[in-house]
Amino acid sequence: MTFTQGKPLTEQEAVDYVQSLGYYPLVFDDVHDADEELHWHEFDSVAMVISGTGSFADETGAVTNIEPGCMVNASAGWLHRTLAGTNTRVVLGSNTPYSEWSHPINKDPESRPQ
């Protein structure tokens, strides 16, 4: 996983960036009143915060605060969880279209391939 803090982007600028990578964009509001369970996803992704603030933790418990302009690039299998108090608008790009994701989207750490 790589985390960068850049200049804030508009939603359309972020969608355009995702598409320039050859990824499939998905725009959504990420709101959490409670900490998520640690999990992973089956797809590579890039996520950009358009508005709002929040935080996430990795498998070691290291916390990263997020705000507009933040970008997270993550490979499939990265263990993480969004923390309570997060309220953001996110543009997510994945190397697999949303329609092909298996559910649940958040996978149990025990099921992660080695």
PDB file of N, CA and C in Angstrom:
ATOM      1  N   MET A   1       0.848  -1.172   0.000  1.00  0.00           N
ATOM      2  CA  MET A   1       0.000   0.000   0.000  1.00  0.00           C
ATOM      3  C   MET A   1       0.894   1.235   0.000  1.00  0.00           C
ATOM      4  N   THR A   2       0.505   2.213  -0.807  1.00  0.00           N
ATOM      5  CA  THR A   2       1.173   3.509  -0.770  1.00  0.00           C
ATOM      6  C   THR A   2       0.131   4.591  -0.526  1.00  0.00           C
ATOM      7  N   PHE A   3       0.513   5.562   0.292  1.00  0.00           N
ATOM      8  CA  PHE A   3      -0.371   6.662   0.658  1.00  0.00           C
ATOM      9  C   PHE A   3       0.312   7.955   0.264  1.00  0.00           C
ATOM     10  N   THR A   4      -0.430   8.818  -0.422  1.00  0.00           N
ATOM     11  CA  THR A   4       0.105  10.131  -0.771  1.00  0.00           C
ATOM     12  C   THR A   4      -0.932  11.204  -0.450  1.00  0.00           C
ATOM     13  N   GLN A   5      -0.429  12.378  -0.127  1.00  0.00           N
ATOM     14  CA  GLN A   5      -1.288  13.543   0.088  1.00  0.00           C
ATOM     15  C   GLN A   5      -0.982  14.534  -1.019  1.00  0.00           C
ATOM     16  N   GLY A   6      -1.950  14.763  -1.873  1.00  0.00           N
ATOM     17  CA  GLY A   6      -1.789  15.707  -2.967  1.00  0.00           C
ATOM     18  C   GLY A   6      -2.808  16.818  -2.856  1.00  0.00           C
ATOM     19  N   LYS A   7      -2.940  17.546  -3.938  1.00  0.00           N
ATOM     20  CA  LYS A   7      -3.936  18.615  -3.957  1.00  0.00           C
ATOM     21  C   LYS A   7      -5.320  17.984  -4.128  1.00  0.00           C
ATOM     22  N   PRO A   8      -6.337  18.576  -3.523  1.00  0.00           N
ATOM     23  CA  PRO A   8      -7.696  18.045  -3.703  1.00  0.00           C
ATOM     24  C   PRO A   8      -8.099  18.040  -5.179  1.00  0.00           C
ATOM     25  N   LEU A   9      -8.831  17.014  -5.560  1.00  0.00           N
ATOM     26  CA  LEU A   9      -9.352  16.866  -6.918  1.00  0.00           C
ATOM     27  C   LEU A   9     -10.862  16.957  -6.901  1.00  0.00           C
ATOM     28  N   THR A  10     -11.435  17.378  -8.022  1.00  0.00           N
ATOM     29  CA  THR A  10     -12.886  17.285  -8.164  1.00  0.00           C
ATOM     30  C   THR A  10     -13.228  15.820  -8.411  1.00  0.00           C
ATOM     31  N   GLU A  11     -14.481  15.497  -8.239  1.00  0.00           N
ATOM     32  CA  GLU A  11     -14.922  14.130  -8.497  1.00  0.00           C
ATOM     33  C   GLU A  11     -14.611  13.728  -9.944  1.00  0.00           C
ATOM     34  N   GLN A  12     -14.874  14.615 -10.890  1.00  0.00           N
ATOM     35  CA  GLN A  12     -14.621  14.293 -12.297  1.00  0.00           C
ATOM     36  C   GLN A  12     -13.136  14.123 -12.583  1.00  0.00           C
ATOM     37  N   GLU A  13     -12.292  14.952 -11.968  1.00  0.00           N
ATOM     38  CA  GLU A  13     -10.842  14.796 -12.148  1.00  0.00           C
ATOM     39  C   GLU A  13     -10.374  13.437 -11.631  1.00  0.00           C
ATOM     40  N   ALA A  14     -10.917  13.020 -10.500  1.00  0.00           N
ATOM     41  CA  ALA A  14     -10.547  11.724  -9.931  1.00  0.00           C
ATOM     42  C   ALA A  14     -11.027  10.577 -10.816  1.00  0.00           C
ATOM     43  N   VAL A  15     -12.257  10.669 -11.316  1.00  0.00           N
ATOM     44  CA  VAL A  15     -12.781   9.634 -12.227  1.00  0.00           C
ATOM     45  C   VAL A  15     -11.906   9.558 -13.477  1.00  0.00           C
ATOM     46  N   ASP A  16     -11.549  10.712 -14.024  1.00  0.00           N
ATOM     47  CA  ASP A  16     -10.695  10.739 -15.214  1.00  0.00           C
ATOM     48  C   ASP A  16      -9.340  10.088 -14.923  1.00  0.00           C
ATOM     49  N   TYR A  17      -8.779  10.360 -13.751  1.00  0.00           N
ATOM     50  CA  TYR A  17      -7.497   9.766 -13.376  1.00  0.00           C
ATOM     51  C   TYR A  17      -7.611   8.244 -13.286  1.00  0.00           C
ATOM     52  N   VAL A  18      -8.650   7.765 -12.626  1.00  0.00           N
ATOM     53  CA  VAL A  18      -8.885   6.321 -12.496  1.00  0.00           C
ATOM     54  C   VAL A  18      -8.954   5.677 -13.880  1.00  0.00           C
ATOM     55  N   GLN A  19      -9.708   6.292 -14.769  1.00  0.00           N
ATOM     56  CA  GLN A  19      -9.850   5.738 -16.113  1.00  0.00           C
ATOM     57  C   GLN A  19      -8.530   5.783 -16.876  1.00  0.00           C
ATOM     58  N   SER A  20      -7.692   6.799 -16.622  1.00  0.00           N
ATOM     59  CA  SER A  20      -6.394   6.875 -17.299  1.00  0.00           C
ATOM     60  C   SER A  20      -5.480   5.723 -16.879  1.00  0.00           C
ATOM     61  N   LEU A  21      -5.733   5.145 -15.701  1.00  0.00           N
ATOM     62  CA  LEU A  21      -4.972   3.993 -15.221  1.00  0.00           C
ATOM     63  C   LEU A  21      -5.495   2.684 -15.807  1.00  0.00           C
ATOM     64  N   GLY A  22      -6.635   2.752 -16.507  1.00  0.00           N
ATOM     65  CA  GLY A  22      -7.269   1.544 -17.010  1.00  0.00           C
ATOM     66  C   GLY A  22      -8.129   0.853 -15.971  1.00  0.00           C
ATOM     67  N   TYR A  23      -8.420   1.570 -14.876  1.00  0.00           N
ATOM     68  CA  TYR A  23      -9.253   1.031 -13.803  1.00  0.00           C
ATOM     69  C   TYR A  23     -10.714   1.435 -14.015  1.00  0.00           C
ATOM     70  N   TYR A  24     -11.583   0.767 -13.277  1.00  0.00           N
ATOM     71  CA  TYR A  24     -13.022   1.007 -13.338  1.00  0.00           C
ATOM     72  C   TYR A  24     -13.426   1.880 -12.145  1.00  0.00           C
ATOM     73  N   PRO A  25     -14.050   3.043 -12.379  1.00  0.00           N
ATOM     74  CA  PRO A  25     -14.375   3.951 -11.273  1.00  0.00           C
ATOM     75  C   PRO A  25     -15.689   3.603 -10.570  1.00  0.00           C
ATOM     76  N   LEU A  26     -15.701   3.882  -9.285  1.00  0.00           N
ATOM     77  CA  LEU A  26     -16.895   3.764  -8.459  1.00  0.00           C
ATOM     78  C   LEU A  26     -16.845   4.935  -7.486  1.00  0.00           C
ATOM     79  N   VAL A  27     -17.923   5.727  -7.435  1.00  0.00           N
ATOM     80  CA  VAL A  27     -17.985   6.899  -6.561  1.00  0.00           C
ATOM     81  C   VAL A  27     -19.000   6.614  -5.457  1.00  0.00           C
ATOM     82  N   PHE A  28     -18.599   6.862  -4.204  1.00  0.00           N
ATOM     83  CA  PHE A  28     -19.516   6.575  -3.098  1.00  0.00           C
ATOM     84  C   PHE A  28     -19.157   7.396  -1.867  1.00  0.00           C
ATOM     85  N   ASP A  29     -20.122   7.454  -0.937  1.00  0.00           N
ATOM     86  CA  ASP A  29     -19.900   8.067   0.370  1.00  0.00           C
ATOM     87  C   ASP A  29     -19.499   6.962   1.330  1.00  0.00           C
ATOM     88  N   ASP A  30     -18.399   7.154   2.028  1.00  0.00           N
ATOM     89  CA  ASP A  30     -17.875   6.170   2.977  1.00  0.00           C
ATOM     90  C   ASP A  30     -18.074   6.739   4.375  1.00  0.00           C
ATOM     91  N   VAL A  31     -19.098   6.257   5.073  1.00  0.00           N
ATOM     92  CA  VAL A  31     -19.485   6.794   6.380  1.00  0.00           C
ATOM     93  C   VAL A  31     -19.470   5.654   7.394  1.00  0.00           C
ATOM     94  N   HIS A  32     -18.745   5.857   8.500  1.00  0.00           N
ATOM     95  CA  HIS A  32     -18.626   4.807   9.513  1.00  0.00           C
ATOM     96  C   HIS A  32     -18.837   5.382  10.906  1.00  0.00           C
ATOM     97  N   ASP A  33     -19.851   4.860  11.597  1.00  0.00           N
ATOM     98  CA  ASP A  33     -20.106   5.234  12.982  1.00  0.00           C
ATOM     99  C   ASP A  33     -19.352   4.326  13.945  1.00  0.00           C
ATOM    100  N   ALA A  34     -18.882   3.188  13.437  1.00  0.00           N
ATOM    101  CA  ALA A  34     -18.121   2.226  14.240  1.00  0.00           C
ATOM    102  C   ALA A  34     -16.928   1.749  13.417  1.00  0.00           C
ATOM    103  N   ASP A  35     -15.900   1.274  14.112  1.00  0.00           N
ATOM    104  CA  ASP A  35     -14.742   0.721  13.416  1.00  0.00           C
ATOM    105  C   ASP A  35     -15.153  -0.511  12.612  1.00  0.00           C
ATOM    106  N   GLU A  36     -14.650  -0.602  11.396  1.00  0.00           N
ATOM    107  CA  GLU A  36     -14.847  -1.817  10.601  1.00  0.00           C
ATOM    108  C   GLU A  36     -13.964  -2.925  11.163  1.00  0.00           C
ATOM    109  N   GLU A  37     -14.319  -4.156  10.837  1.00  0.00           N
ATOM    110  CA  GLU A  37     -13.449  -5.286  11.117  1.00  0.00           C
ATOM    111  C   GLU A  37     -12.303  -5.261  10.104  1.00  0.00           C
ATOM    112  N   LEU A  38     -11.169  -5.780  10.509  1.00  0.00           N
ATOM    113  CA  LEU A  38     -10.042  -5.916   9.600  1.00  0.00           C
ATOM    114  C   LEU A  38     -10.473  -6.792   8.427  1.00  0.00           C
ATOM    115  N   HIS A  39     -10.114  -6.382   7.196  1.00  0.00           N
ATOM    116  CA  HIS A  39     -10.538  -7.132   6.011  1.00  0.00           C
ATOM    117  C   HIS A  39      -9.595  -6.848   4.843  1.00  0.00           C
ATOM    118  N   TRP A  40      -9.832  -7.546   3.753  1.00  0.00           N
ATOM    119  CA  TRP A  40      -9.082  -7.338   2.515  1.00  0.00           C
ATOM    120  C   TRP A  40     -10.057  -7.405   1.352  1.00  0.00           C
ATOM    121  N   HIS A  41      -9.584  -6.981   0.160  1.00  0.00           N
ATOM    122  CA  HIS A  41     -10.399  -7.031  -1.051  1.00  0.00           C
ATOM    123  C   HIS A  41      -9.673  -7.857  -2.102  1.00  0.00           C
ATOM    124  N   GLU A  42     -10.432  -8.386  -3.040  1.00  0.00           N
ATOM    125  CA  GLU A  42      -9.867  -9.259  -4.064  1.00  0.00           C
ATOM    126  C   GLU A  42      -9.344  -8.515  -5.287  1.00  0.00           C
ATOM    127  N   PHE A  43      -9.326  -7.188  -5.261  1.00  0.00           N
ATOM    128  CA  PHE A  43      -8.940  -6.396  -6.418  1.00  0.00           C
ATOM    129  C   PHE A  43      -7.871  -5.371  -6.035  1.00  0.00           C
ATOM    130  N   ASP A  44      -7.050  -4.998  -7.007  1.00  0.00           N
ATOM    131  CA  ASP A  44      -6.133  -3.873  -6.848  1.00  0.00           C
ATOM    132  C   ASP A  44      -6.959  -2.604  -6.929  1.00  0.00           C
ATOM    133  N   SER A  45      -6.542  -1.567  -6.208  1.00  0.00           N
ATOM    134  CA  SER A  45      -7.361  -0.358  -6.201  1.00  0.00           C
ATOM    135  C   SER A  45      -6.542   0.905  -5.978  1.00  0.00           C
ATOM    136  N   VAL A  46      -7.154   1.998  -6.355  1.00  0.00           N
ATOM    137  CA  VAL A  46      -6.692   3.331  -5.996  1.00  0.00           C
ATOM    138  C   VAL A  46      -7.924   4.060  -5.467  1.00  0.00           C
ATOM    139  N   ALA A  47      -7.796   4.696  -4.307  1.00  0.00           N
ATOM    140  CA  ALA A  47      -8.911   5.424  -3.705  1.00  0.00           C
ATOM    141  C   ALA A  47      -8.484   6.859  -3.448  1.00  0.00           C
ATOM    142  N   MET A  48      -9.333   7.806  -3.854  1.00  0.00           N
ATOM    143  CA  MET A  48      -9.050   9.219  -3.670  1.00  0.00           C
ATOM    144  C   MET A  48     -10.173   9.867  -2.870  1.00  0.00           C
ATOM    145  N   VAL A  49      -9.801  10.614  -1.834  1.00  0.00           N
ATOM    146  CA  VAL A  49     -10.777  11.322  -1.010  1.00  0.00           C
ATOM    147  C   VAL A  49     -11.096  12.649  -1.693  1.00  0.00           C
ATOM    148  N   ILE A  50     -12.382  12.850  -1.988  1.00  0.00           N
ATOM    149  CA  ILE A  50     -12.850  14.067  -2.638  1.00  0.00           C
ATOM    150  C   ILE A  50     -13.254  15.112  -1.591  1.00  0.00           C
ATOM    151  N   SER A  51     -13.949  14.655  -0.547  1.00  0.00           N
ATOM    152  CA  SER A  51     -14.363  15.558   0.525  1.00  0.00           C
ATOM    153  C   SER A  51     -14.487  14.778   1.822  1.00  0.00           C
ATOM    154  N   GLY A  52     -14.466  15.515   2.929  1.00  0.00           N
ATOM    155  CA  GLY A  52     -14.631  14.906   4.238  1.00  0.00           C
ATOM    156  C   GLY A  52     -13.305  14.494   4.849  1.00  0.00           C
ATOM    157  N   THR A  53     -13.396  13.864   6.017  1.00  0.00           N
ATOM    158  CA  THR A  53     -12.218  13.411   6.751  1.00  0.00           C
ATOM    159  C   THR A  53     -12.500  12.066   7.387  1.00  0.00           C
ATOM    160  N   GLY A  54     -11.440  11.424   7.833  1.00  0.00           N
ATOM    161  CA  GLY A  54     -11.575  10.138   8.504  1.00  0.00           C
ATOM    162  C   GLY A  54     -10.232   9.510   8.751  1.00  0.00           C
ATOM    163  N   SER A  55     -10.237   8.204   8.964  1.00  0.00           N
ATOM    164  CA  SER A  55      -8.994   7.482   9.209  1.00  0.00           C
ATOM    165  C   SER A  55      -9.191   5.997   8.934  1.00  0.00           C
ATOM    166  N   PHE A  56      -8.053   5.329   8.701  1.00  0.00           N
ATOM    167  CA  PHE A  56      -8.054   3.878   8.553  1.00  0.00           C
ATOM    168  C   PHE A  56      -6.845   3.324   9.293  1.00  0.00           C
ATOM    169  N   ALA A  57      -6.894   2.044   9.588  1.00  0.00           N
ATOM    170  CA  ALA A  57      -5.777   1.366  10.240  1.00  0.00           C
ATOM    171  C   ALA A  57      -5.387   0.154   9.401  1.00  0.00           C
ATOM    172  N   ASP A  58      -4.087  -0.169   9.427  1.00  0.00           N
ATOM    173  CA  ASP A  58      -3.625  -1.361   8.730  1.00  0.00           C
ATOM    174  C   ASP A  58      -3.567  -2.528   9.712  1.00  0.00           C
ATOM    175  N   GLU A  59      -3.024  -3.643   9.272  1.00  0.00           N
ATOM    176  CA  GLU A  59      -3.021  -4.848  10.106  1.00  0.00           C
ATOM    177  C   GLU A  59      -2.147  -4.717  11.344  1.00  0.00           C
ATOM    178  N   THR A  60      -1.219  -3.759  11.364  1.00  0.00           N
ATOM    179  CA  THR A  60      -0.380  -3.551  12.550  1.00  0.00           C
ATOM    180  C   THR A  60      -1.020  -2.596  13.540  1.00  0.00           C
ATOM    181  N   GLY A  61      -2.135  -1.970  13.132  1.00  0.00           N
ATOM    182  CA  GLY A  61      -2.796  -0.993  13.980  1.00  0.00           C
ATOM    183  C   GLY A  61      -2.369   0.440  13.708  1.00  0.00           C
ATOM    184  N   ALA A  62      -1.427   0.627  12.772  1.00  0.00           N
ATOM    185  CA  ALA A  62      -0.992   1.983  12.419  1.00  0.00           C
ATOM    186  C   ALA A  62      -2.168   2.736  11.800  1.00  0.00           C
ATOM    187  N   VAL A  63      -2.428   3.939  12.315  1.00  0.00           N
ATOM    188  CA  VAL A  63      -3.568   4.741  11.877  1.00  0.00           C
ATOM    189  C   VAL A  63      -3.082   5.827  10.915  1.00  0.00           C
ATOM    190  N   THR A  64      -3.838   5.994   9.823  1.00  0.00           N
ATOM    191  CA  THR A  64      -3.579   7.045   8.848  1.00  0.00           C
ATOM    192  C   THR A  64      -4.809   7.921   8.763  1.00  0.00           C
ATOM    193  N   ASN A  65      -4.634   9.234   8.921  1.00  0.00           N
ATOM    194  CA  ASN A  65      -5.743  10.179   8.786  1.00  0.00           C
ATOM    195  C   ASN A  65      -5.878  10.579   7.329  1.00  0.00           C
ATOM    196  N   ILE A  66      -7.120  10.744   6.886  1.00  0.00           N
ATOM    197  CA  ILE A  66      -7.372  11.083   5.491  1.00  0.00           C
ATOM    198  C   ILE A  66      -8.207  12.349   5.386  1.00  0.00           C
ATOM    199  N   GLU A  67      -7.988  13.065   4.266  1.00  0.00           N
ATOM    200  CA  GLU A  67      -8.691  14.314   3.976  1.00  0.00           C
ATOM    201  C   GLU A  67      -8.669  14.497   2.465  1.00  0.00           C
ATOM    202  N   PRO A  68      -9.348  15.517   1.943  1.00  0.00           N
ATOM    203  CA  PRO A  68      -9.339  15.719   0.497  1.00  0.00           C
ATOM    204  C   PRO A  68      -7.910  15.792  -0.061  1.00  0.00           C
ATOM    205  N   GLY A  69      -7.698  15.111  -1.172  1.00  0.00           N
ATOM    206  CA  GLY A  69      -6.390  15.051  -1.809  1.00  0.00           C
ATOM    207  C   GLY A  69      -5.604  13.801  -1.472  1.00  0.00           C
ATOM    208  N   CYS A  70      -6.074  13.031  -0.485  1.00  0.00           N
ATOM    209  CA  CYS A  70      -5.393  11.784  -0.135  1.00  0.00           C
ATOM    210  C   CYS A  70      -5.644  10.735  -1.206  1.00  0.00           C
ATOM    211  N   MET A  71      -4.614   9.924  -1.446  1.00  0.00           N
ATOM    212  CA  MET A  71      -4.764   8.811  -2.381  1.00  0.00           C
ATOM    213  C   MET A  71      -4.087   7.584  -1.790  1.00  0.00           C
ATOM    214  N   VAL A  72      -4.792   6.461  -1.847  1.00  0.00           N
ATOM    215  CA  VAL A  72      -4.280   5.185  -1.378  1.00  0.00           C
ATOM    216  C   VAL A  72      -4.249   4.238  -2.567  1.00  0.00           C
ATOM    217  N   ASN A  73      -3.065   3.699  -2.857  1.00  0.00           N
ATOM    218  CA  ASN A  73      -2.914   2.654  -3.872  1.00  0.00           C
ATOM    219  C   ASN A  73      -2.687   1.351  -3.126  1.00  0.00           C
ATOM    220  N   ALA A  74      -3.525   0.363  -3.383  1.00  0.00           N
ATOM    221  CA  ALA A  74      -3.420  -0.889  -2.640  1.00  0.00           C
ATOM    222  C   ALA A  74      -3.562  -2.086  -3.576  1.00  0.00           C
ATOM    223  N   SER A  75      -2.757  -3.087  -3.305  1.00  0.00           N
ATOM    224  CA  SER A  75      -2.866  -4.348  -4.029  1.00  0.00           C
ATOM    225  C   SER A  75      -3.936  -5.212  -3.382  1.00  0.00           C
ATOM    226  N   ALA A  76      -4.487  -6.118  -4.165  1.00  0.00           N
ATOM    227  CA  ALA A  76      -5.429  -7.092  -3.621  1.00  0.00           C
ATOM    228  C   ALA A  76      -4.777  -7.778  -2.419  1.00  0.00           C
ATOM    229  N   GLY A  77      -5.577  -8.002  -1.376  1.00  0.00           N
ATOM    230  CA  GLY A  77      -5.076  -8.699  -0.201  1.00  0.00           C
ATOM    231  C   GLY A  77      -4.597  -7.807   0.923  1.00  0.00           C
ATOM    232  N   TRP A  78      -4.530  -6.477   0.697  1.00  0.00           N
ATOM    233  CA  TRP A  78      -4.071  -5.575   1.742  1.00  0.00           C
ATOM    234  C   TRP A  78      -5.071  -5.560   2.902  1.00  0.00           C
ATOM    235  N   LEU A  79      -4.593  -5.833   4.120  1.00  0.00           N
ATOM    236  CA  LEU A  79      -5.453  -5.846   5.305  1.00  0.00           C
ATOM    237  C   LEU A  79      -5.581  -4.439   5.878  1.00  0.00           C
ATOM    238  N   HIS A  80      -6.830  -4.026   6.108  1.00  0.00           N
ATOM    239  CA  HIS A  80      -7.099  -2.677   6.609  1.00  0.00           C
ATOM    240  C   HIS A  80      -8.506  -2.618   7.182  1.00  0.00           C
ATOM    241  N   ARG A  81      -8.812  -1.494   7.815  1.00  0.00           N
ATOM    242  CA  ARG A  81     -10.167  -1.232   8.296  1.00  0.00           C
ATOM    243  C   ARG A  81     -10.370   0.265   8.417  1.00  0.00           C
ATOM    244  N   THR A  82     -11.545   0.728   8.029  1.00  0.00           N
ATOM    245  CA  THR A  82     -11.908   2.131   8.190  1.00  0.00           C
ATOM    246  C   THR A  82     -12.378   2.321   9.625  1.00  0.00           C
ATOM    247  N   LEU A  83     -12.015   3.452  10.209  1.00  0.00           N
ATOM    248  CA  LEU A  83     -12.313   3.690  11.622  1.00  0.00           C
ATOM    249  C   LEU A  83     -13.526   4.598  11.808  1.00  0.00           C
ATOM    250  N   ALA A  84     -14.137   4.475  12.992  1.00  0.00           N
ATOM    251  CA  ALA A  84     -15.310   5.269  13.351  1.00  0.00           C
ATOM    252  C   ALA A  84     -15.012   6.751  13.183  1.00  0.00           C
ATOM    253  N   GLY A  85     -16.013   7.488  12.734  1.00  0.00           N
ATOM    254  CA  GLY A  85     -15.879   8.919  12.544  1.00  0.00           C
ATOM    255  C   GLY A  85     -15.531   9.300  11.112  1.00  0.00           C
ATOM    256  N   THR A  86     -15.274   8.305  10.276  1.00  0.00           N
ATOM    257  CA  THR A  86     -14.969   8.588   8.878  1.00  0.00           C
ATOM    258  C   THR A  86     -16.250   8.973   8.153  1.00  0.00           C
ATOM    259  N   ASN A  87     -16.175  10.075   7.415  1.00  0.00           N
ATOM    260  CA  ASN A  87     -17.304  10.546   6.613  1.00  0.00           C
ATOM    261  C   ASN A  87     -16.697  11.231   5.388  1.00  0.00           C
ATOM    262  N   THR A  88     -16.533  10.453   4.328  1.00  0.00           N
ATOM    263  CA  THR A  88     -15.837  10.945   3.140  1.00  0.00           C
ATOM    264  C   THR A  88     -16.599  10.621   1.865  1.00  0.00           C
ATOM    265  N   ARG A  89     -16.317  11.384   0.836  1.00  0.00           N
ATOM    266  CA  ARG A  89     -16.739  11.091  -0.534  1.00  0.00           C
ATOM    267  C   ARG A  89     -15.485  10.547  -1.216  1.00  0.00           C
ATOM    268  N   VAL A  90     -15.601   9.374  -1.833  1.00  0.00           N
ATOM    269  CA  VAL A  90     -14.444   8.671  -2.358  1.00  0.00           C
ATOM    270  C   VAL A  90     -14.674   8.299  -3.818  1.00  0.00           C
ATOM    271  N   VAL A  91     -13.619   8.434  -4.616  1.00  0.00           N
ATOM    272  CA  VAL A  91     -13.592   7.837  -5.949  1.00  0.00           C
ATOM    273  C   VAL A  91     -12.634   6.661  -5.843  1.00  0.00           C
ATOM    274  N   LEU A  92     -13.167   5.469  -6.071  1.00  0.00           N
ATOM    275  CA  LEU A  92     -12.388   4.233  -6.018  1.00  0.00           C
ATOM    276  C   LEU A  92     -12.227   3.717  -7.436  1.00  0.00           C
ATOM    277  N   GLY A  93     -11.027   3.363  -7.782  1.00  0.00           N
ATOM    278  CA  GLY A  93     -10.783   2.699  -9.051  1.00  0.00           C
ATOM    279  C   GLY A  93     -10.286   1.300  -8.767  1.00  0.00           C
ATOM    280  N   SER A  94     -10.813   0.315  -9.485  1.00  0.00           N
ATOM    281  CA  SER A  94     -10.344  -1.059  -9.291  1.00  0.00           C
ATOM    282  C   SER A  94     -10.024  -1.689 -10.637  1.00  0.00           C
ATOM    283  N   ASN A  95      -9.166  -2.706 -10.589  1.00  0.00           N
ATOM    284  CA  ASN A  95      -8.783  -3.386 -11.820  1.00  0.00           C
ATOM    285  C   ASN A  95      -9.829  -4.405 -12.268  1.00  0.00           C
ATOM    286  N   THR A  96     -10.907  -4.509 -11.509  1.00  0.00           N
ATOM    287  CA  THR A  96     -12.027  -5.403 -11.826  1.00  0.00           C
ATOM    288  C   THR A  96     -13.318  -4.602 -11.721  1.00  0.00           C
ATOM    289  N   PRO A  97     -14.205  -4.698 -12.700  1.00  0.00           N
ATOM    290  CA  PRO A  97     -15.472  -3.962 -12.591  1.00  0.00           C
ATOM    291  C   PRO A  97     -16.267  -4.385 -11.353  1.00  0.00           C
ATOM    292  N   TYR A  98     -16.968  -3.430 -10.760  1.00  0.00           N
ATOM    293  CA  TYR A  98     -17.786  -3.699  -9.573  1.00  0.00           C
ATOM    294  C   TYR A  98     -18.719  -4.889  -9.785  1.00  0.00           C
ATOM    295  N   SER A  99     -19.290  -5.011 -10.975  1.00  0.00           N
ATOM    296  CA  SER A  99     -20.238  -6.097 -11.262  1.00  0.00           C
ATOM    297  C   SER A  99     -19.606  -7.482 -11.153  1.00  0.00           C
ATOM    298  N   GLU A 100     -18.276  -7.552 -11.158  1.00  0.00           N
ATOM    299  CA  GLU A 100     -17.586  -8.841 -11.072  1.00  0.00           C
ATOM    300  C   GLU A 100     -16.999  -9.116  -9.697  1.00  0.00           C
ATOM    301  N   TRP A 101     -17.171  -8.181  -8.746  1.00  0.00           N
ATOM    302  CA  TRP A 101     -16.671  -8.419  -7.391  1.00  0.00           C
ATOM    303  C   TRP A 101     -17.512  -9.505  -6.742  1.00  0.00           C
ATOM    304  N   SER A 102     -16.869 -10.389  -5.984  1.00  0.00           N
ATOM    305  CA  SER A 102     -17.628 -11.377  -5.225  1.00  0.00           C
ATOM    306  C   SER A 102     -18.038 -10.741  -3.896  1.00  0.00           C
ATOM    307  N   HIS A 103     -19.079 -11.270  -3.313  1.00  0.00           N
ATOM    308  CA  HIS A 103     -19.617 -10.706  -2.076  1.00  0.00           C
ATOM    309  C   HIS A 103     -19.546 -11.739  -0.966  1.00  0.00           C
ATOM    310  N   PRO A 104     -19.293 -11.325   0.251  1.00  0.00           N
ATOM    311  CA  PRO A 104     -19.140  -9.936   0.654  1.00  0.00           C
ATOM    312  C   PRO A 104     -17.850  -9.347   0.088  1.00  0.00           C
ATOM    313  N   ILE A 105     -17.853  -8.040  -0.115  1.00  0.00           N
ATOM    314  CA  ILE A 105     -16.691  -7.339  -0.669  1.00  0.00           C
ATOM    315  C   ILE A 105     -15.539  -7.349   0.337  1.00  0.00           C
ATOM    316  N   ASN A 106     -15.868  -7.152   1.620  1.00  0.00           N
ATOM    317  CA  ASN A 106     -14.856  -7.178   2.679  1.00  0.00           C
ATOM    318  C   ASN A 106     -14.625  -8.636   3.074  1.00  0.00           C
ATOM    319  N   LYS A 107     -13.422  -9.124   2.766  1.00  0.00           N
ATOM    320  CA  LYS A 107     -13.078 -10.532   2.998  1.00  0.00           C
ATOM    321  C   LYS A 107     -12.427 -10.723   4.366  1.00  0.00           C
ATOM    322  N   ASP A 108     -12.723 -11.869   4.980  1.00  0.00           N
ATOM    323  CA  ASP A 108     -12.160 -12.243   6.273  1.00  0.00           C
ATOM    324  C   ASP A 108     -10.644 -12.449   6.144  1.00  0.00           C
ATOM    325  N   PRO A 109      -9.865 -11.895   7.086  1.00  0.00           N
ATOM    326  CA  PRO A 109      -8.407 -12.076   7.019  1.00  0.00           C
ATOM    327  C   PRO A 109      -7.980 -13.538   6.925  1.00  0.00           C
ATOM    328  N   GLU A 110      -8.737 -14.438   7.547  1.00  0.00           N
ATOM    329  CA  GLU A 110      -8.391 -15.861   7.527  1.00  0.00           C
ATOM    330  C   GLU A 110      -8.484 -16.475   6.137  1.00  0.00           C
ATOM    331  N   SER A 111      -9.253 -15.838   5.248  1.00  0.00           N
ATOM    332  CA  SER A 111      -9.439 -16.387   3.898  1.00  0.00           C
ATOM    333  C   SER A 111      -8.469 -15.793   2.879  1.00  0.00           C
ATOM    334  N   ARG A 112      -7.559 -14.938   3.344  1.00  0.00           N
ATOM    335  CA  ARG A 112      -6.621 -14.281   2.427  1.00  0.00           C
ATOM    336  C   ARG A 112      -5.620 -15.294   1.880  1.00  0.00           C
ATOM    337  N   PRO A 113      -5.460 -15.336   0.548  1.00  0.00           N
ATOM    338  CA  PRO A 113      -4.458 -16.238  -0.044  1.00  0.00           C
ATOM    339  C   PRO A 113      -3.047 -15.829   0.383  1.00  0.00           C
ATOM    340  N   GLN A 114      -2.185 -16.791   0.480  1.00  0.00           N
ATOM    341  CA  GLN A 114      -0.789 -16.512   0.883  1.00  0.00           C
ATOM    342  C   GLN A 114       0.012 -15.952  -0.258  1.00  0.00           C
TER     343      GLN A 114
END
